[in-house]
Amino acid sequence: GLETLKFLPGALADHLTSFGGDLNGKHQATAL
């Protein structure tokens, strides 16, 4: 549902999962 949201300038957002910082990862959503 991220495409339905409007993030305001300066918004902080994250999810708790194992590999959110693996920016090349394909099996979980990442910080990108």
All heavy atoms as atom14 arrays in JSON, in Angstrom:
{
  "sequence": "GLETLKFLPGALADHLTSFGGDLNGKHQATAL",
  "atom14_mask": [
    [1, 1, 1, 1, 0, 0, 0, 0, 0, 0, 0, 0, 0, 0],
    [1, 1, 1, 1, 1, 1, 1, 1, 0, 0, 0, 0, 0, 0],
    [1, 1, 1, 1, 1, 1, 1, 1, 1, 0, 0, 0, 0, 0],
    [1, 1, 1, 1, 1, 1, 1, 0, 0, 0, 0, 0, 0, 0],
    [1, 1, 1, 1, 1, 1, 1, 1, 0, 0, 0, 0, 0, 0],
    [1, 1, 1, 1, 1, 1, 1, 1, 1, 0, 0, 0, 0, 0],
    [1, 1, 1, 1, 1, 1, 1, 1, 1, 1, 1, 0, 0, 0],
    [1, 1, 1, 1, 1, 1, 1, 1, 0, 0, 0, 0, 0, 0],
    [1, 1, 1, 1, 1, 1, 1, 0, 0, 0, 0, 0, 0, 0],
    [1, 1, 1, 1, 0, 0, 0, 0, 0, 0, 0, 0, 0, 0],
    [1, 1, 1, 1, 1, 0, 0, 0, 0, 0, 0, 0, 0, 0],
    [1, 1, 1, 1, 1, 1, 1, 1, 0, 0, 0, 0, 0, 0],
    [1, 1, 1, 1, 1, 0, 0, 0, 0, 0, 0, 0, 0, 0],
    [1, 1, 1, 1, 1, 1, 1, 1, 0, 0, 0, 0, 0, 0],
    [1, 1, 1, 1, 1, 1, 1, 1, 1, 1, 0, 0, 0, 0],
    [1, 1, 1, 1, 1, 1, 1, 1, 0, 0, 0, 0, 0, 0],
    [1, 1, 1, 1, 1, 1, 1, 0, 0, 0, 0, 0, 0, 0],
    [1, 1, 1, 1, 1, 1, 0, 0, 0, 0, 0, 0, 0, 0],
    [1, 1, 1, 1, 1, 1, 1, 1, 1, 1, 1, 0, 0, 0],
    [1, 1, 1, 1, 0, 0, 0, 0, 0, 0, 0, 0, 0, 0],
    [1, 1, 1, 1, 0, 0, 0, 0, 0, 0, 0, 0, 0, 0],
    [1, 1, 1, 1, 1, 1, 1, 1, 0, 0, 0, 0, 0, 0],
    [1, 1, 1, 1, 1, 1, 1, 1, 0, 0, 0, 0, 0, 0],
    [1, 1, 1, 1, 1, 1, 1, 1, 0, 0, 0, 0, 0, 0],
    [1, 1, 1, 1, 0, 0, 0, 0, 0, 0, 0, 0, 0, 0],
    [1, 1, 1, 1, 1, 1, 1, 1, 1, 0, 0, 0, 0, 0],
    [1, 1, 1, 1, 1, 1, 1, 1, 1, 1, 0, 0, 0, 0],
    [1, 1, 1, 1, 1, 1, 1, 1, 1, 0, 0, 0, 0, 0],
    [1, 1, 1, 1, 1, 0, 0, 0, 0, 0, 0, 0, 0, 0],
    [1, 1, 1, 1, 1, 1, 1, 0, 0, 0, 0, 0, 0, 0],
    [1, 1, 1, 1, 1, 0, 0, 0, 0, 0, 0, 0, 0, 0],
    [1, 1, 1, 1, 1, 1, 1, 1, 0, 0, 0, 0, 0, 0]
  ],
  "atom14_positions": [
    [[0.77, -1.23, 0.0], [0.0, 0.0, 0.0], [0.8, 1.28, 0.0], [0.23, 2.37, 0.12], [0.0, 0.0, 0.0], [0.0, 0.0, 0.0], [0.0, 0.0, 0.0], [0.0, 0.0, 0.0], [0.0, 0.0, 0.0], [0.0, 0.0, 0.0], [0.0, 0.0, 0.0], [0.0, 0.0, 0.0], [0.0, 0.0, 0.0], [0.0, 0.0, 0.0]],
    [[2.12, 1.19, -0.15], [2.94, 2.41, -0.11], [2.57, 3.38, -1.23], [2.66, 4.6, -1.06], [4.43, 2.06, -0.21], [5.03, 1.27, 0.96], [6.52, 1.08, 0.76], [4.75, 1.97, 2.28], [0.0, 0.0, 0.0], [0.0, 0.0, 0.0], [0.0, 0.0, 0.0], [0.0, 0.0, 0.0], [0.0, 0.0, 0.0], [0.0, 0.0, 0.0]],
    [[2.14, 2.85, -2.36], [1.79, 3.7, -3.5], [0.55, 4.54, -3.23], [0.28, 5.52, -3.95], [1.6, 2.85, -4.76], [0.35, 2.01, -4.81], [0.41, 0.73, -3.95], [1.49, 0.45, -3.36], [-0.6, 0.01, -3.88], [0.0, 0.0, 0.0], [0.0, 0.0, 0.0], [0.0, 0.0, 0.0], [0.0, 0.0, 0.0], [0.0, 0.0, 0.0]],
    [[-0.22, 4.21, -2.19], [-1.44, 4.97, -1.88], [-1.18, 6.09, -0.87], [-2.1, 6.85, -0.57], [-2.52, 4.04, -1.29], [-2.17, 3.66, 0.05], [-2.7, 2.79, -2.14], [0.0, 0.0, 0.0], [0.0, 0.0, 0.0], [0.0, 0.0, 0.0], [0.0, 0.0, 0.0], [0.0, 0.0, 0.0], [0.0, 0.0, 0.0], [0.0, 0.0, 0.0]],
    [[0.04, 6.18, -0.36], [0.34, 7.1, 0.72], [1.04, 8.36, 0.22], [1.69, 8.35, -0.82], [1.24, 6.42, 1.76], [0.75, 5.08, 2.33], [1.79, 4.53, 3.29], [-0.6, 5.24, 3.0], [0.0, 0.0, 0.0], [0.0, 0.0, 0.0], [0.0, 0.0, 0.0], [0.0, 0.0, 0.0], [0.0, 0.0, 0.0], [0.0, 0.0, 0.0]],
    [[0.92, 9.42, 0.99], [1.7, 10.62, 0.76], [2.61, 10.84, 1.96], [2.16, 11.11, 3.07], [0.8, 11.85, 0.57], [1.61, 13.13, 0.33], [0.73, 14.34, 0.15], [1.57, 15.6, -0.06], [0.71, 16.81, -0.24], [0.0, 0.0, 0.0], [0.0, 0.0, 0.0], [0.0, 0.0, 0.0], [0.0, 0.0, 0.0], [0.0, 0.0, 0.0]],
    [[3.91, 10.69, 1.71], [4.9, 10.96, 2.74], [5.27, 12.44, 2.69], [5.62, 12.97, 1.63], [6.15, 10.11, 2.53], [5.95, 8.65, 2.8], [5.53, 7.78, 1.8], [6.17, 8.14, 4.06], [5.34, 6.43, 2.05], [5.99, 6.78, 4.33], [5.57, 5.93, 3.32], [0.0, 0.0, 0.0], [0.0, 0.0, 0.0], [0.0, 0.0, 0.0]],
    [[5.17, 13.11, 3.81], [5.52, 14.53, 3.87], [7.04, 14.69, 3.85], [7.78, 13.78, 4.21], [4.93, 15.15, 5.14], [3.41, 15.08, 5.27], [2.97, 15.69, 6.59], [2.73, 15.78, 4.1], [0.0, 0.0, 0.0], [0.0, 0.0, 0.0], [0.0, 0.0, 0.0], [0.0, 0.0, 0.0], [0.0, 0.0, 0.0], [0.0, 0.0, 0.0]],
    [[7.53, 15.84, 3.4], [8.98, 16.07, 3.42], [9.55, 15.87, 4.82], [9.04, 16.41, 5.8], [9.09, 17.53, 2.97], [7.88, 17.77, 2.13], [6.8, 16.98, 2.81], [0.0, 0.0, 0.0], [0.0, 0.0, 0.0], [0.0, 0.0, 0.0], [0.0, 0.0, 0.0], [0.0, 0.0, 0.0], [0.0, 0.0, 0.0], [0.0, 0.0, 0.0]],
    [[10.6, 15.05, 4.9], [11.21, 14.73, 6.18], [10.67, 13.47, 6.82], [11.09, 13.12, 7.93], [0.0, 0.0, 0.0], [0.0, 0.0, 0.0], [0.0, 0.0, 0.0], [0.0, 0.0, 0.0], [0.0, 0.0, 0.0], [0.0, 0.0, 0.0], [0.0, 0.0, 0.0], [0.0, 0.0, 0.0], [0.0, 0.0, 0.0], [0.0, 0.0, 0.0]],
    [[9.78, 12.74, 6.16], [9.16, 11.55, 6.75], [10.2, 10.46, 7.03], [11.09, 10.19, 6.21], [8.08, 11.0, 5.83], [0.0, 0.0, 0.0], [0.0, 0.0, 0.0], [0.0, 0.0, 0.0], [0.0, 0.0, 0.0], [0.0, 0.0, 0.0], [0.0, 0.0, 0.0], [0.0, 0.0, 0.0], [0.0, 0.0, 0.0], [0.0, 0.0, 0.0]],
    [[10.05, 9.81, 8.19], [10.87, 8.67, 8.58], [10.0, 7.42, 8.53], [8.87, 7.43, 9.02], [11.41, 8.84, 10.0], [12.1, 10.16, 10.34], [12.65, 10.1, 11.77], [13.21, 10.48, 9.35], [0.0, 0.0, 0.0], [0.0, 0.0, 0.0], [0.0, 0.0, 0.0], [0.0, 0.0, 0.0], [0.0, 0.0, 0.0], [0.0, 0.0, 0.0]],
    [[10.51, 6.32, 7.96], [9.7, 5.12, 7.84], [10.59, 3.89, 7.8], [11.63, 3.88, 7.13], [8.84, 5.18, 6.58], [0.0, 0.0, 0.0], [0.0, 0.0, 0.0], [0.0, 0.0, 0.0], [0.0, 0.0, 0.0], [0.0, 0.0, 0.0], [0.0, 0.0, 0.0], [0.0, 0.0, 0.0], [0.0, 0.0, 0.0], [0.0, 0.0, 0.0]],
    [[10.19, 2.84, 8.52], [10.97, 1.6, 8.51], [10.1, 0.43, 8.95], [9.04, 0.62, 9.55], [12.19, 1.71, 9.43], [11.83, 2.02, 10.87], [11.4, 1.08, 11.58], [11.96, 3.18, 11.3], [0.0, 0.0, 0.0], [0.0, 0.0, 0.0], [0.0, 0.0, 0.0], [0.0, 0.0, 0.0], [0.0, 0.0, 0.0], [0.0, 0.0, 0.0]],
    [[10.55, -0.77, 8.64], [9.84, -1.98, 9.04], [10.82, -2.95, 9.69], [11.98, -3.05, 9.28], [9.13, -2.64, 7.86], [10.03, -3.08, 6.73], [10.93, -2.24, 6.11], [10.17, -4.29, 6.11], [11.57, -2.89, 5.16], [11.13, -4.14, 5.14], [0.0, 0.0, 0.0], [0.0, 0.0, 0.0], [0.0, 0.0, 0.0], [0.0, 0.0, 0.0]],
    [[10.36, -3.65, 10.71], [11.21, -4.62, 11.39], [11.14, -5.95, 10.64], [10.1, -6.61, 10.61], [10.77, -4.79, 12.85], [11.73, -5.55, 13.78], [11.51, -5.13, 15.23], [11.57, -7.07, 13.66], [0.0, 0.0, 0.0], [0.0, 0.0, 0.0], [0.0, 0.0, 0.0], [0.0, 0.0, 0.0], [0.0, 0.0, 0.0], [0.0, 0.0, 0.0]],
    [[12.25, -6.28, 10.02], [12.4, -7.56, 9.33], [13.88, -7.86, 9.25], [14.72, -7.03, 9.62], [11.74, -7.52, 7.93], [11.62, -8.83, 7.42], [12.52, -6.64, 6.97], [0.0, 0.0, 0.0], [0.0, 0.0, 0.0], [0.0, 0.0, 0.0], [0.0, 0.0, 0.0], [0.0, 0.0, 0.0], [0.0, 0.0, 0.0], [0.0, 0.0, 0.0]],
    [[14.24, -9.02, 8.77], [15.64, -9.46, 8.84], [16.58, -8.69, 7.94], [17.7, -8.37, 8.34], [15.74, -10.95, 8.52], [15.04, -11.72, 9.46], [0.0, 0.0, 0.0], [0.0, 0.0, 0.0], [0.0, 0.0, 0.0], [0.0, 0.0, 0.0], [0.0, 0.0, 0.0], [0.0, 0.0, 0.0], [0.0, 0.0, 0.0], [0.0, 0.0, 0.0]],
    [[16.16, -8.4, 6.71], [17.12, -7.9, 5.72], [16.67, -6.61, 5.05], [16.89, -6.41, 3.85], [17.4, -8.98, 4.67], [17.98, -10.24, 5.28], [17.2, -11.37, 5.41], [19.29, -10.27, 5.72], [17.73, -12.54, 5.98], [19.83, -11.41, 6.29], [19.04, -12.55, 6.42], [0.0, 0.0, 0.0], [0.0, 0.0, 0.0], [0.0, 0.0, 0.0]],
    [[16.07, -5.71, 5.82], [15.66, -4.43, 5.26], [16.83, -3.57, 4.83], [16.66, -2.65, 4.03], [0.0, 0.0, 0.0], [0.0, 0.0, 0.0], [0.0, 0.0, 0.0], [0.0, 0.0, 0.0], [0.0, 0.0, 0.0], [0.0, 0.0, 0.0], [0.0, 0.0, 0.0], [0.0, 0.0, 0.0], [0.0, 0.0, 0.0], [0.0, 0.0, 0.0]],
    [[18.02, -3.84, 5.35], [19.21, -3.08, 4.97], [20.0, -3.71, 3.84], [21.01, -3.15, 3.4], [0.0, 0.0, 0.0], [0.0, 0.0, 0.0], [0.0, 0.0, 0.0], [0.0, 0.0, 0.0], [0.0, 0.0, 0.0], [0.0, 0.0, 0.0], [0.0, 0.0, 0.0], [0.0, 0.0, 0.0], [0.0, 0.0, 0.0], [0.0, 0.0, 0.0]],
    [[19.55, -4.86, 3.34], [20.19, -5.5, 2.19], [19.6, -4.85, 0.94], [18.62, -5.32, 0.37], [19.91, -7.01, 2.21], [20.55, -7.75, 1.05], [21.26, -7.1, 0.25], [20.33, -8.96, 0.93], [0.0, 0.0, 0.0], [0.0, 0.0, 0.0], [0.0, 0.0, 0.0], [0.0, 0.0, 0.0], [0.0, 0.0, 0.0], [0.0, 0.0, 0.0]],
    [[20.22, -3.76, 0.5], [19.61, -2.93, -0.55], [19.51, -3.63, -1.89], [18.72, -3.21, -2.75], [20.41, -1.62, -0.69], [20.53, -0.77, 0.57], [21.22, 0.55, 0.25], [19.19, -0.55, 1.26], [0.0, 0.0, 0.0], [0.0, 0.0, 0.0], [0.0, 0.0, 0.0], [0.0, 0.0, 0.0], [0.0, 0.0, 0.0], [0.0, 0.0, 0.0]],
    [[20.28, -4.69, -2.09], [20.17, -5.49, -3.31], [19.23, -6.66, -3.15], [19.04, -7.45, -4.08], [21.54, -6.01, -3.75], [22.42, -4.92, -4.34], [21.93, -3.88, -4.75], [23.72, -5.15, -4.38], [0.0, 0.0, 0.0], [0.0, 0.0, 0.0], [0.0, 0.0, 0.0], [0.0, 0.0, 0.0], [0.0, 0.0, 0.0], [0.0, 0.0, 0.0]],
    [[18.64, -6.81, -1.97], [17.8, -7.97, -1.66], [16.52, -8.01, -2.47], [15.94, -6.97, -2.81], [0.0, 0.0, 0.0], [0.0, 0.0, 0.0], [0.0, 0.0, 0.0], [0.0, 0.0, 0.0], [0.0, 0.0, 0.0], [0.0, 0.0, 0.0], [0.0, 0.0, 0.0], [0.0, 0.0, 0.0], [0.0, 0.0, 0.0], [0.0, 0.0, 0.0]],
    [[16.04, -9.23, -2.75], [14.83, -9.42, -3.56], [13.72, -10.12, -2.79], [12.57, -10.14, -3.23], [15.15, -10.27, -4.79], [16.28, -9.72, -5.66], [15.94, -8.38, -6.26], [17.06, -7.88, -7.18], [16.77, -6.53, -7.72], [0.0, 0.0, 0.0], [0.0, 0.0, 0.0], [0.0, 0.0, 0.0], [0.0, 0.0, 0.0], [0.0, 0.0, 0.0]],
    [[14.03, -10.69, -1.62], [13.06, -11.53, -0.93], [12.31, -10.79, 0.18], [11.34, -11.32, 0.71], [13.77, -12.76, -0.35], [14.47, -13.58, -1.39], [13.79, -14.26, -2.38], [15.79, -13.82, -1.6], [14.66, -14.88, -3.16], [15.87, -14.63, -2.7], [0.0, 0.0, 0.0], [0.0, 0.0, 0.0], [0.0, 0.0, 0.0], [0.0, 0.0, 0.0]],
    [[12.76, -9.62, 0.55], [12.06, -8.79, 1.53], [12.12, -7.34, 1.06], [13.02, -6.97, 0.32], [12.69, -8.91, 2.92], [12.59, -10.3, 3.54], [13.12, -10.33, 4.96], [13.76, -9.4, 5.43], [12.84, -11.42, 5.66], [0.0, 0.0, 0.0], [0.0, 0.0, 0.0], [0.0, 0.0, 0.0], [0.0, 0.0, 0.0], [0.0, 0.0, 0.0]],
    [[11.17, -6.55, 1.5], [11.23, -5.12, 1.21], [12.46, -4.54, 1.89], [12.86, -4.98, 2.97], [9.97, -4.43, 1.7], [0.0, 0.0, 0.0], [0.0, 0.0, 0.0], [0.0, 0.0, 0.0], [0.0, 0.0, 0.0], [0.0, 0.0, 0.0], [0.0, 0.0, 0.0], [0.0, 0.0, 0.0], [0.0, 0.0, 0.0], [0.0, 0.0, 0.0]],
    [[13.08, -3.55, 1.27], [14.28, -2.93, 1.83], [14.02, -1.46, 2.15], [12.96, -0.91, 1.82], [15.46, -3.03, 0.84], [15.27, -2.07, -0.22], [15.58, -4.43, 0.25], [0.0, 0.0, 0.0], [0.0, 0.0, 0.0], [0.0, 0.0, 0.0], [0.0, 0.0, 0.0], [0.0, 0.0, 0.0], [0.0, 0.0, 0.0], [0.0, 0.0, 0.0]],
    [[15.0, -0.86, 2.77], [14.89, 0.57, 3.08], [14.67, 1.4, 1.83], [14.05, 2.47, 1.89], [16.14, 1.03, 3.82], [0.0, 0.0, 0.0], [0.0, 0.0, 0.0], [0.0, 0.0, 0.0], [0.0, 0.0, 0.0], [0.0, 0.0, 0.0], [0.0, 0.0, 0.0], [0.0, 0.0, 0.0], [0.0, 0.0, 0.0], [0.0, 0.0, 0.0]],
    [[15.15, 0.93, 0.68], [14.97, 1.67, -0.56], [13.5, 1.73, -0.97], [13.08, 2.7, -1.62], [15.78, 1.04, -1.69], [17.3, 1.2, -1.62], [17.96, 0.54, -2.82], [17.69, 2.67, -1.52], [0.0, 0.0, 0.0], [0.0, 0.0, 0.0], [0.0, 0.0, 0.0], [0.0, 0.0, 0.0], [0.0, 0.0, 0.0], [0.0, 0.0, 0.0]]
  ]
}
